[in-house]
Each structure stands twice: as C-alpha cells, then as structure tokens.
PDB file of N, CA and C in Angstrom:
ATOM      1  N   UNK A   1       0.846  -1.180   0.000  1.00  0.00           N
ATOM      2  CA  UNK A   1       0.000   0.000   0.000  1.00  0.00           C
ATOM      3  C   UNK A   1       0.894   1.247   0.000  1.00  0.00           C
ATOM      4  N   UNK A   2       0.580   2.157  -0.860  1.00  0.00           N
ATOM      5  CA  UNK A   2       1.313   3.421  -0.915  1.00  0.00           C
ATOM      6  C   UNK A   2       0.842   4.328   0.222  1.00  0.00           C
ATOM      7  N   UNK A   3       1.670   5.293   0.558  1.00  0.00           N
ATOM      8  CA  UNK A   3       1.283   6.230   1.608  1.00  0.00           C
ATOM      9  C   UNK A   3       1.019   7.599   0.997  1.00  0.00           C
ATOM     10  N   UNK A   4       0.203   8.366   1.685  1.00  0.00           N
ATOM     11  CA  UNK A   4      -0.173   9.703   1.238  1.00  0.00           C
ATOM     12  C   UNK A   4       1.006  10.655   1.470  1.00  0.00           C
ATOM     13  N   UNK A   5       1.572  11.153   0.400  1.00  0.00           N
ATOM     14  CA  UNK A   5       2.754  12.012   0.466  1.00  0.00           C
ATOM     15  C   UNK A   5       2.453  13.324   1.194  1.00  0.00           C
ATOM     16  N   UNK A   6       1.251  13.856   1.004  1.00  0.00           N
ATOM     17  CA  UNK A   6       0.893  15.117   1.680  1.00  0.00           C
ATOM     18  C   UNK A   6       0.823  14.932   3.192  1.00  0.00           C
ATOM     19  N   UNK A   7       0.290  13.806   3.630  1.00  0.00           N
ATOM     20  CA  UNK A   7       0.246  13.522   5.074  1.00  0.00           C
ATOM     21  C   UNK A   7       1.670  13.337   5.591  1.00  0.00           C
ATOM     22  N   UNK A   8       2.496  12.615   4.843  1.00  0.00           N
ATOM     23  CA  UNK A   8       3.892  12.426   5.246  1.00  0.00           C
ATOM     24  C   UNK A   8       4.619  13.771   5.352  1.00  0.00           C
ATOM     25  N   UNK A   9       4.355  14.679   4.425  1.00  0.00           N
ATOM     26  CA  UNK A   9       4.966  16.009   4.485  1.00  0.00           C
ATOM     27  C   UNK A   9       4.529  16.767   5.733  1.00  0.00           C
ATOM     28  N   UNK A  10       3.246  16.648   6.096  1.00  0.00           N
ATOM     29  CA  UNK A  10       2.750  17.310   7.317  1.00  0.00           C
ATOM     30  C   UNK A  10       3.467  16.763   8.546  1.00  0.00           C
ATOM     31  N   UNK A  11       3.612  15.450   8.605  1.00  0.00           N
ATOM     32  CA  UNK A  11       4.293  14.822   9.742  1.00  0.00           C
ATOM     33  C   UNK A  11       5.748  15.271   9.786  1.00  0.00           C
ATOM     34  N   UNK A  12       6.416  15.216   8.656  1.00  0.00           N
ATOM     35  CA  UNK A  12       7.821  15.602   8.564  1.00  0.00           C
ATOM     36  C   UNK A  12       8.032  17.038   9.052  1.00  0.00           C
ATOM     37  N   UNK A  13       7.204  17.945   8.564  1.00  0.00           N
ATOM     38  CA  UNK A  13       7.328  19.358   8.949  1.00  0.00           C
ATOM     39  C   UNK A  13       7.065  19.549  10.443  1.00  0.00           C
ATOM     40  N   UNK A  14       6.048  18.875  10.965  1.00  0.00           N
ATOM     41  CA  UNK A  14       5.723  19.032  12.380  1.00  0.00           C
ATOM     42  C   UNK A  14       6.851  18.495  13.262  1.00  0.00           C
ATOM     43  N   UNK A  15       7.361  17.319  12.931  1.00  0.00           N
ATOM     44  CA  UNK A  15       8.440  16.747  13.737  1.00  0.00           C
ATOM     45  C   UNK A  15       9.697  17.612  13.680  1.00  0.00           C
ATOM     46  N   UNK A  16       9.990  18.147  12.515  1.00  0.00           N
ATOM     47  CA  UNK A  16      11.199  18.975  12.365  1.00  0.00           C
ATOM     48  C   UNK A  16      11.159  20.212  13.252  1.00  0.00           C
ATOM     49  N   UNK A  17       9.967  20.775  13.431  1.00  0.00           N
ATOM     50  CA  UNK A  17       9.894  21.987  14.250  1.00  0.00           C
ATOM     51  C   UNK A  17       9.552  21.695  15.712  1.00  0.00           C
ATOM     52  N   UNK A  18       9.146  20.469  16.016  1.00  0.00           N
ATOM     53  CA  UNK A  18       8.666  20.154  17.361  1.00  0.00           C
ATOM     54  C   UNK A  18       9.660  19.417  18.238  1.00  0.00           C
ATOM     55  N   UNK A  19      10.705  18.906  17.649  1.00  0.00           N
ATOM     56  CA  UNK A  19      11.669  18.164  18.460  1.00  0.00           C
ATOM     57  C   UNK A  19      13.074  18.361  17.916  1.00  0.00           C
ATOM     58  N   UNK A  20      14.029  18.319  18.824  1.00  0.00           N
ATOM     59  CA  UNK A  20      15.426  18.396  18.392  1.00  0.00           C
ATOM     60  C   UNK A  20      16.059  17.010  18.401  1.00  0.00           C
ATOM     61  N   UNK A  21      15.228  15.980  18.551  1.00  0.00           N
ATOM     62  CA  UNK A  21      15.709  14.609  18.578  1.00  0.00           C
ATOM     63  C   UNK A  21      16.013  14.122  17.168  1.00  0.00           C
ATOM     64  N   UNK A  22      16.753  13.058  17.090  1.00  0.00           N
ATOM     65  CA  UNK A  22      17.122  12.452  15.815  1.00  0.00           C
ATOM     66  C   UNK A  22      15.880  11.851  15.143  1.00  0.00           C
ATOM     67  N   UNK A  23      15.582  12.287  13.932  1.00  0.00           N
ATOM     68  CA  UNK A  23      14.433  11.791  13.179  1.00  0.00           C
ATOM     69  C   UNK A  23      14.937  11.084  11.930  1.00  0.00           C
ATOM     70  N   UNK A  24      14.433   9.879  11.722  1.00  0.00           N
ATOM     71  CA  UNK A  24      14.807   9.092  10.554  1.00  0.00           C
ATOM     72  C   UNK A  24      13.533   8.534   9.939  1.00  0.00           C
ATOM     73  N   UNK A  25      13.495   8.431   8.636  1.00  0.00           N
ATOM     74  CA  UNK A  25      12.344   7.876   7.932  1.00  0.00           C
ATOM     75  C   UNK A  25      12.706   6.503   7.382  1.00  0.00           C
ATOM     76  N   UNK A  26      11.777   5.549   7.561  1.00  0.00           N
ATOM     77  CA  UNK A  26      11.988   4.196   7.058  1.00  0.00           C
ATOM     78  C   UNK A  26      10.681   3.682   6.472  1.00  0.00           C
ATOM     79  N   UNK A  27      10.789   2.957   5.376  1.00  0.00           N
ATOM     80  CA  UNK A  27       9.605   2.308   4.822  1.00  0.00           C
ATOM     81  C   UNK A  27       9.354   1.052   5.640  1.00  0.00           C
ATOM     82  N   UNK A  28       8.183   1.008   6.281  1.00  0.00           N
ATOM     83  CA  UNK A  28       7.785  -0.166   7.051  1.00  0.00           C
ATOM     84  C   UNK A  28       6.286  -0.132   7.286  1.00  0.00           C
ATOM     85  N   UNK A  29       5.706  -1.259   7.663  1.00  0.00           N
ATOM     86  CA  UNK A  29       4.263  -1.384   7.879  1.00  0.00           C
ATOM     87  C   UNK A  29       3.486  -0.895   6.658  1.00  0.00           C
ATOM     88  N   UNK A  30       3.983  -1.184   5.485  1.00  0.00           N
ATOM     89  CA  UNK A  30       3.348  -0.794   4.225  1.00  0.00           C
ATOM     90  C   UNK A  30       3.147   0.712   4.134  1.00  0.00           C
ATOM     91  N   UNK A  31       4.042   1.453   4.742  1.00  0.00           N
ATOM     92  CA  UNK A  31       3.955   2.913   4.713  1.00  0.00           C
ATOM     93  C   UNK A  31       5.307   3.533   5.010  1.00  0.00           C
ATOM     94  N   UNK A  32       5.274   4.739   5.533  1.00  0.00           N
ATOM     95  CA  UNK A  32       6.487   5.463   5.877  1.00  0.00           C
ATOM     96  C   UNK A  32       6.494   5.716   7.372  1.00  0.00           C
ATOM     97  N   UNK A  33       7.473   5.134   8.062  1.00  0.00           N
ATOM     98  CA  UNK A  33       7.600   5.295   9.509  1.00  0.00           C
ATOM     99  C   UNK A  33       8.559   6.431   9.821  1.00  0.00           C
ATOM    100  N   UNK A  34       8.207   7.180  10.840  1.00  0.00           N
ATOM    101  CA  UNK A  34       9.072   8.230  11.354  1.00  0.00           C
ATOM    102  C   UNK A  34       9.637   7.739  12.674  1.00  0.00           C
ATOM    103  N   UNK A  35      10.931   7.496  12.658  1.00  0.00           N
ATOM    104  CA  UNK A  35      11.647   7.014  13.832  1.00  0.00           C
ATOM    105  C   UNK A  35      12.200   8.232  14.568  1.00  0.00           C
ATOM    106  N   UNK A  36      11.981   8.278  15.864  1.00  0.00           N
ATOM    107  CA  UNK A  36      12.521   9.359  16.688  1.00  0.00           C
ATOM    108  C   UNK A  36      13.423   8.701  17.716  1.00  0.00           C
ATOM    109  N   UNK A  37      14.701   9.077  17.686  1.00  0.00           N
ATOM    110  CA  UNK A  37      15.714   8.458  18.546  1.00  0.00           C
ATOM    111  C   UNK A  37      15.684   6.931  18.433  1.00  0.00           C
ATOM    112  N   UNK A  38      15.660   6.444  17.204  1.00  0.00           N
ATOM    113  CA  UNK A  38      15.708   5.015  16.881  1.00  0.00           C
ATOM    114  C   UNK A  38      14.484   4.228  17.328  1.00  0.00           C
ATOM    115  N   UNK A  39      13.375   4.907  17.598  1.00  0.00           N
ATOM    116  CA  UNK A  39      12.147   4.220  17.996  1.00  0.00           C
ATOM    117  C   UNK A  39      11.013   4.666  17.083  1.00  0.00           C
ATOM    118  N   UNK A  40      10.188   3.690  16.643  1.00  0.00           N
ATOM    119  CA  UNK A  40       9.053   4.025  15.795  1.00  0.00           C
ATOM    120  C   UNK A  40       8.117   4.935  16.582  1.00  0.00           C
ATOM    121  N   UNK A  41       7.834   6.097  16.021  1.00  0.00           N
ATOM    122  CA  UNK A  41       7.000   7.086  16.694  1.00  0.00           C
ATOM    123  C   UNK A  41       5.631   7.164  16.030  1.00  0.00           C
ATOM    124  N   UNK A  42       5.627   7.423  14.740  1.00  0.00           N
ATOM    125  CA  UNK A  42       4.381   7.554  13.979  1.00  0.00           C
ATOM    126  C   UNK A  42       4.643   7.077  12.558  1.00  0.00           C
ATOM    127  N   UNK A  43       3.602   6.581  11.925  1.00  0.00           N
ATOM    128  CA  UNK A  43       3.724   6.022  10.590  1.00  0.00           C
ATOM    129  C   UNK A  43       2.588   6.569   9.733  1.00  0.00           C
ATOM    130  N   UNK A  44       2.870   6.794   8.466  1.00  0.00           N
ATOM    131  CA  UNK A  44       1.824   7.163   7.515  1.00  0.00           C
ATOM    132  C   UNK A  44       1.572   5.922   6.666  1.00  0.00           C
ATOM    133  N   UNK A  45       0.342   5.440   6.723  1.00  0.00           N
ATOM    134  CA  UNK A  45      -0.042   4.226   6.029  1.00  0.00           C
ATOM    135  C   UNK A  45      -1.293   4.530   5.203  1.00  0.00           C
ATOM    136  N   UNK A  46      -1.144   4.590   3.896  1.00  0.00           N
ATOM    137  CA  UNK A  46      -2.255   5.026   3.054  1.00  0.00           C
ATOM    138  C   UNK A  46      -2.570   6.473   3.387  1.00  0.00           C
ATOM    139  N   UNK A  47      -3.827   6.753   3.692  1.00  0.00           N
ATOM    140  CA  UNK A  47      -4.224   8.101   4.110  1.00  0.00           C
ATOM    141  C   UNK A  47      -4.270   8.224   5.630  1.00  0.00           C
ATOM    142  N   UNK A  48      -3.934   7.160   6.320  1.00  0.00           N
ATOM    143  CA  UNK A  48      -4.047   7.112   7.774  1.00  0.00           C
ATOM    144  C   UNK A  48      -2.719   7.375   8.477  1.00  0.00           C
ATOM    145  N   UNK A  49      -2.838   7.756   9.744  1.00  0.00           N
ATOM    146  CA  UNK A  49      -1.688   7.756  10.641  1.00  0.00           C
ATOM    147  C   UNK A  49      -1.720   6.451  11.419  1.00  0.00           C
ATOM    148  N   UNK A  50      -0.574   5.915  11.721  1.00  0.00           N
ATOM    149  CA  UNK A  50      -0.476   4.815  12.666  1.00  0.00           C
ATOM    150  C   UNK A  50       0.321   5.374  13.837  1.00  0.00           C
ATOM    151  N   UNK A  51      -0.309   5.420  14.989  1.00  0.00           N
ATOM    152  CA  UNK A  51       0.295   6.078  16.143  1.00  0.00           C
ATOM    153  C   UNK A  51       0.734   5.065  17.192  1.00  0.00           C
ATOM    154  N   UNK A  52       1.854   5.367  17.827  1.00  0.00           N
ATOM    155  CA  UNK A  52       2.348   4.592  18.964  1.00  0.00           C
ATOM    156  C   UNK A  52       2.175   5.470  20.192  1.00  0.00           C
ATOM    157  N   UNK A  53       1.485   4.937  21.206  1.00  0.00           N
ATOM    158  CA  UNK A  53       1.157   5.750  22.375  1.00  0.00           C
ATOM    159  C   UNK A  53       1.161   4.896  23.641  1.00  0.00           C
ATOM    160  N   UNK A  54       1.087   5.557  24.767  1.00  0.00           N
ATOM    161  CA  UNK A  54       1.034   4.882  26.065  1.00  0.00           C
ATOM    162  C   UNK A  54      -0.305   4.164  26.179  1.00  0.00           C
ATOM    163  N   UNK A  55      -0.274   2.849  26.286  1.00  0.00           N
ATOM    164  CA  UNK A  55      -1.511   2.064  26.313  1.00  0.00           C
ATOM    165  C   UNK A  55      -2.392   2.392  27.513  1.00  0.00           C
ATOM    166  N   UNK A  56      -1.855   3.053  28.523  1.00  0.00           N
ATOM    167  CA  UNK A  56      -2.668   3.481  29.672  1.00  0.00           C
ATOM    168  C   UNK A  56      -3.661   4.573  29.280  1.00  0.00           C
ATOM    169  N   UNK A  57      -3.455   5.180  28.123  1.00  0.00           N
ATOM    170  CA  UNK A  57      -4.334   6.264  27.658  1.00  0.00           C
ATOM    171  C   UNK A  57      -5.393   5.785  26.668  1.00  0.00           C
ATOM    172  N   UNK A  58      -5.621   4.479  26.610  1.00  0.00           N
ATOM    173  CA  UNK A  58      -6.520   3.913  25.598  1.00  0.00           C
ATOM    174  C   UNK A  58      -7.945   4.468  25.697  1.00  0.00           C
ATOM    175  N   UNK A  59      -8.444   4.692  26.882  1.00  0.00           N
ATOM    176  CA  UNK A  59      -9.811   5.207  27.019  1.00  0.00           C
ATOM    177  C   UNK A  59      -9.932   6.580  26.361  1.00  0.00           C
ATOM    178  N   UNK A  60      -8.976   7.445  26.615  1.00  0.00           N
ATOM    179  CA  UNK A  60      -8.953   8.786  26.010  1.00  0.00           C
ATOM    180  C   UNK A  60      -8.787   8.693  24.492  1.00  0.00           C
ATOM    181  N   UNK A  61      -7.820   7.920  24.069  1.00  0.00           N
ATOM    182  CA  UNK A  61      -7.476   7.826  22.648  1.00  0.00           C
ATOM    183  C   UNK A  61      -8.603   7.204  21.828  1.00  0.00           C
ATOM    184  N   UNK A  62      -9.215   6.157  22.360  1.00  0.00           N
ATOM    185  CA  UNK A  62     -10.252   5.448  21.597  1.00  0.00           C
ATOM    186  C   UNK A  62     -11.529   6.261  21.438  1.00  0.00           C
ATOM    187  N   UNK A  63     -11.677   7.330  22.196  1.00  0.00           N
ATOM    188  CA  UNK A  63     -12.875   8.172  22.070  1.00  0.00           C
ATOM    189  C   UNK A  63     -12.726   9.244  20.980  1.00  0.00           C
ATOM    190  N   UNK A  64     -11.544   9.357  20.394  1.00  0.00           N
ATOM    191  CA  UNK A  64     -11.278  10.383  19.383  1.00  0.00           C
ATOM    192  C   UNK A  64     -11.835   9.982  18.014  1.00  0.00           C
ATOM    193  N   UNK A  65     -12.263  10.978  17.272  1.00  0.00           N
ATOM    194  CA  UNK A  65     -12.748  10.753  15.902  1.00  0.00           C
ATOM    195  C   UNK A  65     -11.612  10.175  15.058  1.00  0.00           C
ATOM    196  N   UNK A  66     -11.931   9.164  14.277  1.00  0.00           N
ATOM    197  CA  UNK A  66     -10.960   8.558  13.371  1.00  0.00           C
ATOM    198  C   UNK A  66     -10.194   7.394  13.963  1.00  0.00           C
ATOM    199  N   UNK A  67     -10.294   7.190  15.285  1.00  0.00           N
ATOM    200  CA  UNK A  67      -9.557   6.110  15.947  1.00  0.00           C
ATOM    201  C   UNK A  67      -9.993   4.745  15.422  1.00  0.00           C
ATOM    202  N   UNK A  68      -9.001   3.899  15.167  1.00  0.00           N
ATOM    203  CA  UNK A  68      -9.243   2.501  14.793  1.00  0.00           C
ATOM    204  C   UNK A  68      -8.182   1.667  15.494  1.00  0.00           C
ATOM    205  N   UNK A  69      -8.568   0.585  16.165  1.00  0.00           N
ATOM    206  CA  UNK A  69      -7.543  -0.246  16.799  1.00  0.00           C
ATOM    207  C   UNK A  69      -6.628  -0.848  15.735  1.00  0.00           C
ATOM    208  N   UNK A  70      -5.394  -1.085  16.091  1.00  0.00           N
ATOM    209  CA  UNK A  70      -4.454  -1.709  15.155  1.00  0.00           C
ATOM    210  C   UNK A  70      -4.535  -3.220  15.341  1.00  0.00           C
ATOM    211  N   UNK A  71      -5.023  -3.890  14.312  1.00  0.00           N
ATOM    212  CA  UNK A  71      -5.164  -5.339  14.344  1.00  0.00           C
ATOM    213  C   UNK A  71      -4.369  -5.901  13.171  1.00  0.00           C
ATOM    214  N   UNK A  72      -3.473  -6.810  13.472  1.00  0.00           N
ATOM    215  CA  UNK A  72      -2.686  -7.478  12.439  1.00  0.00           C
ATOM    216  C   UNK A  72      -2.744  -8.981  12.711  1.00  0.00           C
ATOM    217  N   UNK A  73      -3.098  -9.748  11.689  1.00  0.00           N
ATOM    218  CA  UNK A  73      -3.204 -11.203  11.789  1.00  0.00           C
ATOM    219  C   UNK A  73      -4.101 -11.606  12.951  1.00  0.00           C
ATOM    220  N   UNK A  74      -5.203 -10.874  13.130  1.00  0.00           N
ATOM    221  CA  UNK A  74      -6.179 -11.207  14.154  1.00  0.00           C
ATOM    222  C   UNK A  74      -5.818 -10.780  15.567  1.00  0.00           C
ATOM    223  N   UNK A  75      -4.684 -10.118  15.727  1.00  0.00           N
ATOM    224  CA  UNK A  75      -4.225  -9.708  17.060  1.00  0.00           C
ATOM    225  C   UNK A  75      -4.255  -8.191  17.174  1.00  0.00           C
ATOM    226  N   UNK A  76      -4.881  -7.690  18.242  1.00  0.00           N
ATOM    227  CA  UNK A  76      -4.892  -6.246  18.483  1.00  0.00           C
ATOM    228  C   UNK A  76      -3.608  -5.860  19.210  1.00  0.00           C
ATOM    229  N   UNK A  77      -2.941  -4.846  18.690  1.00  0.00           N
ATOM    230  CA  UNK A  77      -1.691  -4.379  19.272  1.00  0.00           C
ATOM    231  C   UNK A  77      -1.971  -3.247  20.250  1.00  0.00           C
ATOM    232  N   UNK A  78      -1.661  -3.475  21.509  1.00  0.00           N
ATOM    233  CA  UNK A  78      -1.859  -2.463  22.546  1.00  0.00           C
ATOM    234  C   UNK A  78      -0.835  -1.352  22.355  1.00  0.00           C
ATOM    235  N   UNK A  79      -1.289  -0.112  22.516  1.00  0.00           N
ATOM    236  CA  UNK A  79      -0.377   1.018  22.400  1.00  0.00           C
ATOM    237  C   UNK A  79      -0.144   1.474  20.967  1.00  0.00           C
ATOM    238  N   UNK A  80      -0.901   0.912  20.035  1.00  0.00           N
ATOM    239  CA  UNK A  80      -0.832   1.314  18.635  1.00  0.00           C
ATOM    240  C   UNK A  80      -2.256   1.501  18.129  1.00  0.00           C
ATOM    241  N   UNK A  81      -2.435   2.435  17.224  1.00  0.00           N
ATOM    242  CA  UNK A  81      -3.745   2.592  16.591  1.00  0.00           C
ATOM    243  C   UNK A  81      -3.569   3.232  15.225  1.00  0.00           C
ATOM    244  N   UNK A  82      -4.601   3.090  14.434  1.00  0.00           N
ATOM    245  CA  UNK A  82      -4.699   3.827  13.180  1.00  0.00           C
ATOM    246  C   UNK A  82      -5.629   5.002  13.420  1.00  0.00           C
ATOM    247  N   UNK A  83      -5.399   6.075  12.713  1.00  0.00           N
ATOM    248  CA  UNK A  83      -6.284   7.235  12.767  1.00  0.00           C
ATOM    249  C   UNK A  83      -6.658   7.568  11.325  1.00  0.00           C
ATOM    250  N   UNK A  84      -7.945   7.435  11.020  1.00  0.00           N
ATOM    251  CA  UNK A  84      -8.438   7.771   9.690  1.00  0.00           C
ATOM    252  C   UNK A  84      -8.317   9.273   9.468  1.00  0.00           C
ATOM    253  N   UNK A  85      -8.237   9.674   8.226  1.00  0.00           N
ATOM    254  CA  UNK A  85      -7.966  11.076   7.887  1.00  0.00           C
ATOM    255  C   UNK A  85      -8.950  12.061   8.504  1.00  0.00           C
ATOM    256  N   UNK A  86     -10.204  11.661   8.712  1.00  0.00           N
ATOM    257  CA  UNK A  86     -11.149  12.602   9.327  1.00  0.00           C
ATOM    258  C   UNK A  86     -10.776  12.924  10.777  1.00  0.00           C
ATOM    259  N   UNK A  87      -9.903  12.128  11.368  1.00  0.00           N
ATOM    260  CA  UNK A  87      -9.479  12.360  12.748  1.00  0.00           C
ATOM    261  C   UNK A  87      -8.346  13.348  12.907  1.00  0.00           C
ATOM    262  N   UNK A  88      -7.750  13.799  11.790  1.00  0.00           N
ATOM    263  CA  UNK A  88      -6.649  14.764  11.915  1.00  0.00           C
ATOM    264  C   UNK A  88      -6.693  15.846  10.839  1.00  0.00           C
ATOM    265  N   UNK A  89      -7.896  16.221  10.445  1.00  0.00           N
ATOM    266  CA  UNK A  89      -8.041  17.277   9.436  1.00  0.00           C
ATOM    267  C   UNK A  89      -7.647  18.650   9.983  1.00  0.00           C
ATOM    268  N   UNK A  90      -8.034  18.942  11.223  1.00  0.00           N
ATOM    269  CA  UNK A  90      -7.713  20.258  11.786  1.00  0.00           C
ATOM    270  C   UNK A  90      -6.300  20.255  12.340  1.00  0.00           C
ATOM    271  N   UNK A  91      -5.730  21.418  12.426  1.00  0.00           N
ATOM    272  CA  UNK A  91      -4.385  21.565  12.993  1.00  0.00           C
ATOM    273  C   UNK A  91      -4.361  21.052  14.430  1.00  0.00           C
ATOM    274  N   UNK A  92      -5.394  21.378  15.189  1.00  0.00           N
ATOM    275  CA  UNK A  92      -5.470  20.971  16.588  1.00  0.00           C
ATOM    276  C   UNK A  92      -5.501  19.446  16.714  1.00  0.00           C
ATOM    277  N   UNK A  93      -6.313  18.777  15.900  1.00  0.00           N
ATOM    278  CA  UNK A  93      -6.391  17.318  15.953  1.00  0.00           C
ATOM    279  C   UNK A  93      -5.084  16.675  15.486  1.00  0.00           C
ATOM    280  N   UNK A  94      -4.507  17.202  14.425  1.00  0.00           N
ATOM    281  CA  UNK A  94      -3.239  16.682  13.921  1.00  0.00           C
ATOM    282  C   UNK A  94      -2.157  16.777  15.000  1.00  0.00           C
ATOM    283  N   UNK A  95      -2.075  17.929  15.646  1.00  0.00           N
ATOM    284  CA  UNK A  95      -1.072  18.123  16.699  1.00  0.00           C
ATOM    285  C   UNK A  95      -1.337  17.226  17.904  1.00  0.00           C
ATOM    286  N   UNK A  96      -2.609  16.972  18.208  1.00  0.00           N
ATOM    287  CA  UNK A  96      -2.932  16.054  19.307  1.00  0.00           C
ATOM    288  C   UNK A  96      -2.266  14.704  19.063  1.00  0.00           C
ATOM    289  N   UNK A  97      -2.470  14.144  17.868  1.00  0.00           N
ATOM    290  CA  UNK A  97      -1.939  12.810  17.568  1.00  0.00           C
ATOM    291  C   UNK A  97      -0.417  12.791  17.556  1.00  0.00           C
ATOM    292  N   UNK A  98       0.189  13.796  16.952  1.00  0.00           N
ATOM    293  CA  UNK A  98       1.653  13.819  16.902  1.00  0.00           C
ATOM    294  C   UNK A  98       2.249  14.013  18.296  1.00  0.00           C
ATOM    295  N   UNK A  99       1.647  14.881  19.099  1.00  0.00           N
ATOM    296  CA  UNK A  99       2.137  15.087  20.461  1.00  0.00           C
ATOM    297  C   UNK A  99       1.943  13.848  21.325  1.00  0.00           C
ATOM    298  N   UNK A 100       0.852  13.109  21.090  1.00  0.00           N
ATOM    299  CA  UNK A 100       0.618  11.856  21.787  1.00  0.00           C
ATOM    300  C   UNK A 100       1.777  10.888  21.515  1.00  0.00           C
ATOM    301  N   UNK A 101       2.162  10.792  20.264  1.00  0.00           N
ATOM    302  CA  UNK A 101       3.260   9.901  19.871  1.00  0.00           C
ATOM    303  C   UNK A 101       4.599  10.377  20.433  1.00  0.00           C
ATOM    304  N   UNK A 102       4.858  11.663  20.319  1.00  0.00           N
ATOM    305  CA  UNK A 102       6.123  12.215  20.820  1.00  0.00           C
ATOM    306  C   UNK A 102       6.248  12.070  22.334  1.00  0.00           C
ATOM    307  N   UNK A 103       5.151  12.280  23.059  1.00  0.00           N
ATOM    308  CA  UNK A 103       5.233  12.191  24.516  1.00  0.00           C
ATOM    309  C   UNK A 103       5.535  10.762  24.965  1.00  0.00           C
ATOM    310  N   UNK A 104       5.039   9.774  24.225  1.00  0.00           N
ATOM    311  CA  UNK A 104       5.330   8.384  24.581  1.00  0.00           C
ATOM    312  C   UNK A 104       6.725   7.963  24.135  1.00  0.00           C
ATOM    313  N   UNK A 105       7.253   8.595  23.138  1.00  0.00           N
ATOM    314  CA  UNK A 105       8.546   8.191  22.582  1.00  0.00           C
ATOM    315  C   UNK A 105       9.654   8.156  23.635  1.00  0.00           C
ATOM    316  N   UNK A 106       9.611   9.060  24.597  1.00  0.00           N
ATOM    317  CA  UNK A 106      10.640   9.069  25.647  1.00  0.00           C
ATOM    318  C   UNK A 106      10.605   7.794  26.478  1.00  0.00           C
ATOM    319  N   UNK A 107       9.409   7.222  26.678  1.00  0.00           N
ATOM    320  CA  UNK A 107       9.239   6.024  27.487  1.00  0.00           C
ATOM    321  C   UNK A 107       9.340   4.738  26.676  1.00  0.00           C
ATOM    322  N   UNK A 108       9.083   4.829  25.391  1.00  0.00           N
ATOM    323  CA  UNK A 108       9.013   3.637  24.536  1.00  0.00           C
ATOM    324  C   UNK A 108      10.351   2.913  24.477  1.00  0.00           C
ATOM    325  N   UNK A 109      10.253   1.598  24.356  1.00  0.00           N
ATOM    326  CA  UNK A 109      11.451   0.800  24.199  1.00  0.00           C
ATOM    327  C   UNK A 109      11.745   0.660  22.718  1.00  0.00           C
ATOM    328  N   UNK A 110      13.011   0.694  22.381  1.00  0.00           N
ATOM    329  CA  UNK A 110      13.359   0.515  20.969  1.00  0.00           C
ATOM    330  C   UNK A 110      13.379  -0.956  20.635  1.00  0.00           C
ATOM    331  N   UNK A 111      13.150  -1.248  19.362  1.00  0.00           N
ATOM    332  CA  UNK A 111      13.204  -2.621  18.898  1.00  0.00           C
ATOM    333  C   UNK A 111      14.629  -3.121  18.973  1.00  0.00           C
ATOM    334  N   UNK A 112      14.747  -4.402  19.186  1.00  0.00           N
ATOM    335  CA  UNK A 112      16.077  -4.988  19.227  1.00  0.00           C
ATOM    336  C   UNK A 112      16.661  -4.988  17.827  1.00  0.00           C
ATOM    337  N   UNK A 113      17.892  -4.572  17.709  1.00  0.00           N
ATOM    338  CA  UNK A 113      18.581  -4.571  16.419  1.00  0.00           C
ATOM    339  C   UNK A 113      19.018  -5.988  16.085  1.00  0.00           C
ATOM    340  N   UNK A 114      18.839  -6.350  14.824  1.00  0.00           N
ATOM    341  CA  UNK A 114      19.229  -7.705  14.402  1.00  0.00           C
ATOM    342  C   UNK A 114      20.609  -7.691  13.814  1.00  0.00           C
TER     343      UNK A 114
END
C-alpha cells in the first residue's frame, strides 16, 4: 500500500519543528515510519496515521474521531492505533496525535537490532 505524500509532508514538517531529537524515515508497515531516537514514533499508512502511544491512555485515545484499533493477523496491538484522515483534518487534531506519539517516545522501548 502506498502512503499519502501530503500527510507524510505534514508529519515531517511538524516533527522537524517540534523536536530536536534524531528523526529518521523508514519504509515499514506498508507505509512510511518516522523514527525518533531510533524508535518508531508515527507512521503514515495510506491516508491514515499509525500512532504509537502509552496504552494506559486507551480510554482517552479510543474516544477520538478517526480512531481505529491496530489489528494485524487477528491480534490487536496495545499502544498502537490507526487514525483515519477525518481524525486529523484540523491543525489541533493533527497536533494532538503527533504530540501523543512524541510524549510516549521518551518512554518507549526501541526494537532490538538484528
């Protein structure tokens, strides 16, 4: 699946001005992942965002417009979700999702390097 270049540009611009941490882009999860300090932070998949967040905030996060649980091979992944485009049309909503991901990034564990 291709990713929406305009959404990726929005993410790229926001991360560049919002953090001084190391940002790297990688193609993964059938989209474009934005790695912050070597940890997957947010991904653009099709027209959607795939967000990584503190699973303790699931009640708050799941009540947001556009929220979709992340299910792969029949398994729901805790601390990850998809956000349909209607959930981040406004600047305020877009920043909510990106800040959610950035705030968890400090606590998130990085994947083991192979």
